[in-house]
C-alpha atoms as a PDB file:
ATOM      1  CA  MET A   1      -0.015  -0.005   0.003  1.00  0.00           C
ATOM      2  CA  LYS A   2       1.006   3.608  -0.447  1.00  0.00           C
ATOM      3  CA  ILE A   3       1.736   5.758   2.626  1.00  0.00           C
ATOM      4  CA  ILE A   4       2.597   9.464   2.644  1.00  0.00           C
ATOM      5  CA  LEU A   5       4.837  10.603   5.490  1.00  0.00           C
ATOM      6  CA  ASN A   6       5.403  14.198   6.584  1.00  0.00           C
ATOM      7  CA  ILE A   7       8.385  14.061   8.918  1.00  0.00           C
ATOM      8  CA  TRP A   8      10.036  16.700  11.072  1.00  0.00           C
ATOM      9  CA  ARG A   9      13.616  17.156   9.925  1.00  0.00           C
ATOM     10  CA  GLN A  10      16.062  19.088  12.159  1.00  0.00           C
ATOM     11  CA  GLN A  11      19.786  18.758  11.653  1.00  0.00           C
ATOM     12  CA  TYR A  12      20.769  19.596  15.235  1.00  0.00           C
ATOM     13  CA  ALA A  13      19.357  21.055  18.404  1.00  0.00           C
ATOM     14  CA  THR A  14      19.627  24.750  17.556  1.00  0.00           C
ATOM     15  CA  ALA A  15      18.925  24.437  13.834  1.00  0.00           C
ATOM     16  CA  ALA A  16      15.670  25.439  12.265  1.00  0.00           C
ATOM     17  CA  GLY A  17      13.443  22.431  11.480  1.00  0.00           C
ATOM     18  CA  LYS A  18      10.749  21.781   8.903  1.00  0.00           C
ATOM     19  CA  MET A  19       8.338  19.095   7.750  1.00  0.00           C
ATOM     20  CA  VAL A  20       9.518  17.081   4.775  1.00  0.00           C
ATOM     21  CA  ARG A  21       7.192  14.955   2.653  1.00  0.00           C
ATOM     22  CA  TYR A  22       8.071  11.384   1.675  1.00  0.00           C
ATOM     23  CA  GLU A  23       6.017   8.943  -0.421  1.00  0.00           C
ATOM     24  CA  MET A  24       6.336   5.237   0.194  1.00  0.00           C
ATOM     25  CA  PRO A  25       4.547   3.305  -2.600  1.00  0.00           C
ATOM     26  CA  ASN A  26       5.122  -0.293  -1.415  1.00  0.00           C
ATOM     27  CA  VAL A  27       4.505  -0.537   2.316  1.00  0.00           C
ATOM     28  CA  ASP A  28       3.872  -4.079   3.597  1.00  0.00           C
ATOM     29  CA  GLU A  29       0.983  -4.128   6.075  1.00  0.00           C
ATOM     30  CA  HIS A  30       2.886  -6.656   8.194  1.00  0.00           C
ATOM     31  CA  MET A  31       5.741  -4.223   8.841  1.00  0.00           C
ATOM     32  CA  SER A  32       6.075  -2.531  12.193  1.00  0.00           C
ATOM     33  CA  PHE A  33       6.131   1.235  12.110  1.00  0.00           C
ATOM     34  CA  LEU A  34       9.895   1.322  12.792  1.00  0.00           C
ATOM     35  CA  GLU A  35      10.544  -1.298  10.080  1.00  0.00           C
ATOM     36  CA  MET A  36       8.730   0.974   7.681  1.00  0.00           C
ATOM     37  CA  LEU A  37      11.037   3.814   8.678  1.00  0.00           C
ATOM     38  CA  ASP A  38      14.029   1.512   8.229  1.00  0.00           C
ATOM     39  CA  VAL A  39      12.909   0.922   4.623  1.00  0.00           C
ATOM     40  CA  LEU A  40      12.576   4.656   4.070  1.00  0.00           C
ATOM     41  CA  ASN A  41      16.052   5.253   5.542  1.00  0.00           C
ATOM     42  CA  GLU A  42      17.531   2.595   3.317  1.00  0.00           C
ATOM     43  CA  SER A  43      16.099   4.293   0.237  1.00  0.00           C
ATOM     44  CA  LEU A  44      17.364   7.671   1.456  1.00  0.00           C
ATOM     45  CA  THR A  45      20.837   6.203   1.997  1.00  0.00           C
ATOM     46  CA  ASN A  46      20.858   4.711  -1.471  1.00  0.00           C
ATOM     47  CA  LYS A  47      20.149   8.183  -2.829  1.00  0.00           C
ATOM     48  CA  SER A  48      22.966   9.683  -0.706  1.00  0.00           C
ATOM     49  CA  GLU A  49      20.454  11.586   1.421  1.00  0.00           C
ATOM     50  CA  GLU A  50      20.522  11.986   5.190  1.00  0.00           C
ATOM     51  CA  PRO A  51      18.537   9.202   6.897  1.00  0.00           C
ATOM     52  CA  ILE A  52      15.881  10.107   9.445  1.00  0.00           C
ATOM     53  CA  ALA A  53      17.119   9.930  13.050  1.00  0.00           C
ATOM     54  CA  PHE A  54      14.841   8.181  15.528  1.00  0.00           C
ATOM     55  CA  GLU A  55      15.585   6.386  18.770  1.00  0.00           C
ATOM     56  CA  HIS A  56      14.992   2.667  19.329  1.00  0.00           C
ATOM     57  CA  ASP A  57      16.486  -0.357  21.049  1.00  0.00           C
ATOM     58  CA  CYS A  58      14.550  -3.456  22.030  1.00  0.00           C
ATOM     59  CA  ARG A  59      11.649  -3.019  19.587  1.00  0.00           C
ATOM     60  CA  GLU A  60       9.493  -5.025  21.992  1.00  0.00           C
ATOM     61  CA  GLY A  61       7.842  -2.228  23.954  1.00  0.00           C
ATOM     62  CA  ILE A  62      10.048  -2.780  26.973  1.00  0.00           C
ATOM     63  CA  CYS A  63      12.978  -0.308  26.952  1.00  0.00           C
ATOM     64  CA  GLY A  64      11.083   2.972  26.483  1.00  0.00           C
ATOM     65  CA  CYS A  65      13.587   4.316  23.972  1.00  0.00           C
ATOM     66  CA  CYS A  66      11.319   4.776  20.948  1.00  0.00           C
ATOM     67  CA  GLY A  67       8.728   7.479  20.917  1.00  0.00           C
ATOM     68  CA  PHE A  68       7.495  10.336  18.793  1.00  0.00           C
ATOM     69  CA  MET A  69       4.235  11.974  17.770  1.00  0.00           C
ATOM     70  CA  ILE A  70       2.133  10.347  15.035  1.00  0.00           C
ATOM     71  CA  ASP A  71      -0.663  12.678  13.915  1.00  0.00           C
ATOM     72  CA  GLY A  72      -0.307  14.583  17.191  1.00  0.00           C
ATOM     73  CA  ILE A  73      -0.564  11.483  19.407  1.00  0.00           C
ATOM     74  CA  PRO A  74       2.456  10.102  21.366  1.00  0.00           C
ATOM     75  CA  HIS A  75       3.216   6.574  20.073  1.00  0.00           C
ATOM     76  CA  GLY A  76       0.321   6.777  17.609  1.00  0.00           C
ATOM     77  CA  PRO A  77      -3.408   5.983  17.745  1.00  0.00           C
ATOM     78  CA  GLN A  78      -3.351   2.429  19.168  1.00  0.00           C
ATOM     79  CA  ARG A  79      -3.770   2.466  22.953  1.00  0.00           C
ATOM     80  CA  GLY A  80      -1.373   0.608  25.162  1.00  0.00           C
ATOM     81  CA  THR A  81       1.243   0.474  22.420  1.00  0.00           C
ATOM     82  CA  THR A  82       4.693   1.947  21.872  1.00  0.00           C
ATOM     83  CA  VAL A  83       5.776   3.040  18.346  1.00  0.00           C
ATOM     84  CA  CYS A  84       7.810  -0.131  17.894  1.00  0.00           C
ATOM     85  CA  GLN A  85       4.698  -2.287  18.534  1.00  0.00           C
ATOM     86  CA  LEU A  86       2.583  -0.322  16.061  1.00  0.00           C
ATOM     87  CA  HIS A  87       2.033  -2.135  12.777  1.00  0.00           C
ATOM     88  CA  MET A  88       1.202  -0.743   9.373  1.00  0.00           C
ATOM     89  CA  ARG A  89      -1.933  -2.924   9.117  1.00  0.00           C
ATOM     90  CA  LEU A  90      -3.539  -0.240  11.289  1.00  0.00           C
ATOM     91  CA  TYR A  91      -3.418   2.101   8.328  1.00  0.00           C
ATOM     92  CA  LYS A  92      -4.956   1.940   4.893  1.00  0.00           C
ATOM     93  CA  ASP A  93      -3.767   2.654   1.380  1.00  0.00           C
ATOM     94  CA  GLY A  94      -3.233   6.368   0.690  1.00  0.00           C
ATOM     95  CA  ASP A  95      -3.066   7.468   4.343  1.00  0.00           C
ATOM     96  CA  GLU A  96      -1.010  10.615   5.081  1.00  0.00           C
ATOM     97  CA  LEU A  97       0.822  10.698   8.445  1.00  0.00           C
ATOM     98  CA  TRP A  98       2.540  13.476  10.316  1.00  0.00           C
ATOM     99  CA  LEU A  99       5.594  12.538  12.448  1.00  0.00           C
ATOM    100  CA  GLU A 100       7.099  14.937  14.970  1.00  0.00           C
ATOM    101  CA  PRO A 101       9.359  14.635  18.074  1.00  0.00           C
ATOM    102  CA  PHE A 102       7.980  14.898  21.581  1.00  0.00           C
ATOM    103  CA  ARG A 103       7.462  18.577  22.367  1.00  0.00           C
ATOM    104  CA  ALA A 104       8.542  19.751  25.825  1.00  0.00           C
ATOM    105  CA  LYS A 105      11.033  22.274  27.183  1.00  0.00           C
ATOM    106  CA  ALA A 106      12.676  19.537  29.235  1.00  0.00           C
ATOM    107  CA  PHE A 107      12.969  17.305  26.129  1.00  0.00           C
ATOM    108  CA  PRO A 108      15.165  19.298  23.710  1.00  0.00           C
ATOM    109  CA  VAL A 109      15.377  17.978  20.187  1.00  0.00           C
ATOM    110  CA  ILE A 110      18.657  16.248  19.363  1.00  0.00           C
ATOM    111  CA  LYS A 111      17.941  15.550  15.688  1.00  0.00           C
ATOM    112  CA  ASP A 112      14.818  14.863  13.616  1.00  0.00           C
ATOM    113  CA  LEU A 113      12.540  12.632  15.797  1.00  0.00           C
ATOM    114  CA  MET A 114      15.080  12.189  18.640  1.00  0.00           C
ATOM    115  CA  VAL A 115      14.807  14.146  21.871  1.00  0.00           C
ATOM    116  CA  ASP A 116      17.047  14.297  24.934  1.00  0.00           C
ATOM    117  CA  ARG A 117      15.214  12.592  27.824  1.00  0.00           C
ATOM    118  CA  SER A 118      18.173  12.564  30.183  1.00  0.00           C
ATOM    119  CA  ALA A 119      16.146  14.796  32.564  1.00  0.00           C
ATOM    120  CA  PHE A 120      14.380  11.581  33.530  1.00  0.00           C
ATOM    121  CA  ASP A 121      17.715  10.056  34.505  1.00  0.00           C
ATOM    122  CA  ARG A 122      18.584  13.056  36.674  1.00  0.00           C
ATOM    123  CA  ILE A 123      15.238  12.808  38.444  1.00  0.00           C
ATOM    124  CA  ILE A 124      15.874   9.148  39.190  1.00  0.00           C
ATOM    125  CA  GLY A 125      19.378  10.009  40.375  1.00  0.00           C
ATOM    126  CA  SER A 126      17.986  12.525  42.840  1.00  0.00           C
ATOM    127  CA  GLY A 127      16.080   9.930  44.828  1.00  0.00           C
ATOM    128  CA  GLY A 128      14.674   7.021  42.869  1.00  0.00           C
ATOM    129  CA  PHE A 129      16.598   4.357  44.688  1.00  0.00           C
ATOM    130  CA  ILE A 130      16.907   2.580  48.056  1.00  0.00           C
ATOM    131  CA  SER A 131      19.954   2.183  50.240  1.00  0.00           C
ATOM    132  CA  ILE A 132      20.498  -1.359  51.486  1.00  0.00           C
ATOM    133  CA  ASN A 133      23.294  -3.359  53.036  1.00  0.00           C
ATOM    134  CA  THR A 134      25.011  -5.600  50.490  1.00  0.00           C
ATOM    135  CA  GLY A 135      25.696  -9.229  51.131  1.00  0.00           C
ATOM    136  CA  SER A 136      24.025 -12.561  50.529  1.00  0.00           C
ATOM    137  CA  ALA A 137      20.464 -12.549  49.358  1.00  0.00           C
ATOM    138  CA  PRO A 138      17.873 -12.626  52.160  1.00  0.00           C
ATOM    139  CA  ASP A 139      15.330 -15.417  52.435  1.00  0.00           C
ATOM    140  CA  GLY A 140      12.340 -14.735  50.229  1.00  0.00           C
ATOM    141  CA  ASN A 141       9.898 -15.082  53.122  1.00  0.00           C
ATOM    142  CA  ALA A 142      11.891 -13.013  55.615  1.00  0.00           C
ATOM    143  CA  LEU A 143      10.170  -9.755  54.684  1.00  0.00           C
ATOM    144  CA  PRO A 144       6.406 -10.235  54.279  1.00  0.00           C
ATOM    145  CA  ILE A 145       4.641  -7.760  52.003  1.00  0.00           C
ATOM    146  CA  VAL A 146       0.859  -7.238  51.863  1.00  0.00           C
ATOM    147  CA  LYS A 147      -0.417  -8.372  48.444  1.00  0.00           C
ATOM    148  CA  LYS A 148      -2.235  -5.093  47.791  1.00  0.00           C
ATOM    149  CA  CYS A 149       0.981  -3.193  48.335  1.00  0.00           C
ATOM    150  CA  SER A 150       3.045  -5.548  46.205  1.00  0.00           C
ATOM    151  CA  ASP A 151       0.456  -5.322  43.404  1.00  0.00           C
ATOM    152  CA  MET A 152       0.489  -1.518  43.505  1.00  0.00           C
ATOM    153  CA  ALA A 153       4.301  -1.512  43.524  1.00  0.00           C
ATOM    154  CA  MET A 154       4.442  -3.841  40.478  1.00  0.00           C
ATOM    155  CA  ASP A 155       1.838  -1.805  38.601  1.00  0.00           C
ATOM    156  CA  SER A 156       3.877   1.379  39.181  1.00  0.00           C
ATOM    157  CA  ALA A 157       7.140  -0.334  38.320  1.00  0.00           C
ATOM    158  CA  ALA A 158       5.746  -1.148  34.872  1.00  0.00           C
ATOM    159  CA  CYS A 159       6.628   2.435  33.819  1.00  0.00           C
ATOM    160  CA  ILE A 160       9.255   2.315  31.050  1.00  0.00           C
ATOM    161  CA  GLY A 161      10.130   6.011  31.121  1.00  0.00           C
ATOM    162  CA  CYS A 162       9.259   6.628  27.483  1.00  0.00           C
ATOM    163  CA  GLY A 163       8.086  10.182  28.051  1.00  0.00           C
ATOM    164  CA  ALA A 164       4.738   9.870  26.315  1.00  0.00           C
ATOM    165  CA  CYS A 165       2.998  11.273  29.411  1.00  0.00           C
ATOM    166  CA  VAL A 166       5.050  14.457  29.136  1.00  0.00           C
ATOM    167  CA  ALA A 167       4.345  14.784  25.369  1.00  0.00           C
ATOM    168  CA  ALA A 168       0.618  14.336  25.907  1.00  0.00           C
ATOM    169  CA  CYS A 169       0.263  16.685  28.819  1.00  0.00           C
ATOM    170  CA  PRO A 170      -0.725  20.301  27.877  1.00  0.00           C
ATOM    171  CA  ASN A 171       1.606  21.446  30.677  1.00  0.00           C
ATOM    172  CA  ALA A 172       4.469  19.037  29.768  1.00  0.00           C
ATOM    173  CA  SER A 173       4.308  17.621  33.287  1.00  0.00           C
ATOM    174  CA  ALA A 174       6.311  14.577  34.244  1.00  0.00           C
ATOM    175  CA  SER A 175       4.085  13.878  37.235  1.00  0.00           C
ATOM    176  CA  LEU A 176       2.931  10.459  36.077  1.00  0.00           C
ATOM    177  CA  PHE A 177       6.487   9.240  35.473  1.00  0.00           C
ATOM    178  CA  VAL A 178       7.838  10.680  38.735  1.00  0.00           C
ATOM    179  CA  SER A 179       4.924   9.417  40.800  1.00  0.00           C
ATOM    180  CA  ALA A 180       5.302   5.916  39.345  1.00  0.00           C
ATOM    181  CA  LYS A 181       8.965   5.873  40.311  1.00  0.00           C
ATOM    182  CA  ILE A 182       8.248   7.214  43.783  1.00  0.00           C
ATOM    183  CA  ASN A 183       5.330   4.888  44.473  1.00  0.00           C
ATOM    184  CA  HIS A 184       6.801   1.615  43.317  1.00  0.00           C
ATOM    185  CA  LEU A 185       9.463   1.993  46.025  1.00  0.00           C
ATOM    186  CA  GLY A 186       7.191   3.703  48.545  1.00  0.00           C
ATOM    187  CA  GLN A 187       4.813   0.742  48.608  1.00  0.00           C
ATOM    188  CA  LEU A 188       7.529  -1.684  49.693  1.00  0.00           C
ATOM    189  CA  PRO A 189       9.073  -2.096  53.175  1.00  0.00           C
ATOM    190  CA  GLN A 190      12.569  -1.654  51.693  1.00  0.00           C
ATOM    191  CA  GLY A 191      11.619   1.824  50.499  1.00  0.00           C
ATOM    192  CA  GLN A 192      10.259   3.230  53.728  1.00  0.00           C
ATOM    193  CA  ALA A 193      13.503   4.579  55.202  1.00  0.00           C
ATOM    194  CA  GLU A 194      13.910   7.135  52.462  1.00  0.00           C
ATOM    195  CA  ARG A 195      10.291   7.526  51.460  1.00  0.00           C
ATOM    196  CA  ASP A 196       9.822  11.170  52.537  1.00  0.00           C
ATOM    197  CA  ARG A 197      13.191  12.338  51.273  1.00  0.00           C
ATOM    198  CA  ARG A 198      12.661  10.502  48.015  1.00  0.00           C
ATOM    199  CA  ALA A 199       9.370  12.243  47.274  1.00  0.00           C
ATOM    200  CA  ARG A 200      10.701  15.686  48.159  1.00  0.00           C
ATOM    201  CA  ARG A 201      13.915  15.384  46.194  1.00  0.00           C
ATOM    202  CA  MET A 202      12.335  13.913  43.065  1.00  0.00           C
ATOM    203  CA  VAL A 203       9.472  16.425  42.923  1.00  0.00           C
ATOM    204  CA  LEU A 204      11.848  19.367  43.386  1.00  0.00           C
ATOM    205  CA  LYS A 205      14.164  17.943  40.718  1.00  0.00           C
ATOM    206  CA  MET A 206      11.237  17.568  38.331  1.00  0.00           C
ATOM    207  CA  THR A 207      10.459  21.265  38.716  1.00  0.00           C
ATOM    208  CA  GLU A 208      14.128  22.185  38.416  1.00  0.00           C
ATOM    209  CA  GLU A 209      14.378  20.305  35.115  1.00  0.00           C
ATOM    210  CA  GLY A 210      11.635  22.495  33.580  1.00  0.00           C
ATOM    211  CA  PHE A 211       8.642  20.167  33.563  1.00  0.00           C
ATOM    212  CA  GLY A 212       5.215  21.775  34.052  1.00  0.00           C
ATOM    213  CA  TYR A 213       2.696  21.206  36.828  1.00  0.00           C
ATOM    214  CA  CYS A 214      -0.043  18.626  36.859  1.00  0.00           C
ATOM    215  CA  THR A 215      -3.606  19.990  36.436  1.00  0.00           C
ATOM    216  CA  ASN A 216      -5.330  16.590  36.328  1.00  0.00           C
ATOM    217  CA  THR A 217      -6.330  16.611  32.671  1.00  0.00           C
ATOM    218  CA  GLY A 218      -5.740  12.855  32.569  1.00  0.00           C
ATOM    219  CA  GLU A 219      -4.008  12.858  29.139  1.00  0.00           C
ATOM    220  CA  CYS A 220      -0.972  11.142  30.653  1.00  0.00           C
ATOM    221  CA  GLU A 221      -2.971   8.170  31.880  1.00  0.00           C
ATOM    222  CA  ALA A 222      -4.869   7.885  28.588  1.00  0.00           C
ATOM    223  CA  ILE A 223      -1.696   7.740  26.499  1.00  0.00           C
ATOM    224  CA  CYS A 224       0.590   5.674  28.740  1.00  0.00           C
ATOM    225  CA  PRO A 225       1.579   2.480  26.890  1.00  0.00           C
ATOM    226  CA  LYS A 226       1.850   0.576  30.196  1.00  0.00           C
ATOM    227  CA  GLY A 227      -1.386   1.760  31.780  1.00  0.00           C
ATOM    228  CA  ILE A 228       0.134   3.686  34.693  1.00  0.00           C
ATOM    229  CA  GLN A 229      -2.732   5.152  36.647  1.00  0.00           C
ATOM    230  CA  ILE A 230      -3.145   8.788  37.613  1.00  0.00           C
ATOM    231  CA  GLU A 231      -3.871   7.835  41.244  1.00  0.00           C
ATOM    232  CA  ASN A 232      -0.082   7.568  41.613  1.00  0.00           C
ATOM    233  CA  ILE A 233       0.078  11.330  41.370  1.00  0.00           C
ATOM    234  CA  ALA A 234      -2.220  11.715  44.386  1.00  0.00           C
ATOM    235  CA  ARG A 235      -0.002   9.426  46.415  1.00  0.00           C
ATOM    236  CA  MET A 236       3.086  11.403  45.299  1.00  0.00           C
ATOM    237  CA  HIS A 237       1.465  14.714  46.425  1.00  0.00           C
ATOM    238  CA  ARG A 238       0.624  13.178  49.781  1.00  0.00           C
ATOM    239  CA  ASP A 239       4.195  12.015  50.348  1.00  0.00           C
ATOM    240  CA  TYR A 240       5.613  15.315  49.110  1.00  0.00           C
ATOM    241  CA  ILE A 241       3.421  17.392  51.471  1.00  0.00           C
ATOM    242  CA  LYS A 242       4.363  15.148  54.417  1.00  0.00           C
ATOM    243  CA  ALA A 243       8.049  15.363  53.514  1.00  0.00           C
ATOM    244  CA  SER A 244       7.894  19.160  53.169  1.00  0.00           C
ATOM    245  CA  VAL A 245       6.364  19.531  56.661  1.00  0.00           C
ATOM    246  CA  THR A 246       8.863  17.147  58.207  1.00  0.00           C
ATOM    247  CA  TYR A 247      11.778  18.895  56.530  1.00  0.00           C
ATOM    248  CA  ARG A 248      10.587  22.317  57.770  1.00  0.00           C
ATOM    249  CA  GLU A 249      10.171  21.031  61.308  1.00  0.00           C
ATOM    250  CA  GLU A 250      13.661  19.469  61.227  1.00  0.00           C
ATOM    251  CA  THR A 251      15.164  22.722  59.950  1.00  0.00           C
ATOM    252  CA  GLN A 252      13.455  24.803  62.611  1.00  0.00           C
ATOM    253  CA  ALA A 253      14.517  22.355  65.338  1.00  0.00           C
ATOM    254  CA  SER A 254      18.165  22.610  64.264  1.00  0.00           C
ATOM    255  CA  GLY A 255      18.023  26.413  64.245  1.00  0.00           C
ATOM    256  CA  GLY A 256      17.913  26.824  60.506  1.00  0.00           C
ATOM    257  CA  GLY A 257      15.975  29.452  58.581  1.00  0.00           C
END
């Protein structure tokens, strides 16, 4: 089938970008979306033209690397799906598609459809971890965990950090990502020692990185390929408020400002 692609081309971060039109006359419906772009890049290379830059790795919807806007929707129109899991059988002959990078101040464009999502790494580095004593592995039954808590932790841990929530949010908020990373540790006994500090540090780092504020539009939950729920944000706010009060009381007790 024939597919027309309008793709954002931008040579480097500070360069001016523009949409460029490409016609693909022989697209196999069994191709994945990224395989289709591979075919386009091969044809561009054969013509000594610059191939389109896009990020990918596992191509199994696990790593969170791939991601861009397809007709204004992060990862495209199929719910619960990353770009690499999207197949061309979803489209029909003659369809015209518009491909753009994720748009957010905290996600600067690197080239074409690639954006720099290292702000997520810095947020995780600010508190998305637990400190434990190393040594031999403890017995699996030594630390009982309530099933409800373990289920919530596993659901939150499913976040792959793709950034679709940021791209979908009108405020470019990273609250769904940050809350998932806070809550999957905060639901477990191992994460309790640093729970308050974790929430405070990661929320403050999110703001520092230039992400917007959550206004509960719900776009993040609707577009998340792993079904992360917006209720995580409420839990994050609760932990952050508690941590902020505790931190203020500790500062005042020590004679700080």
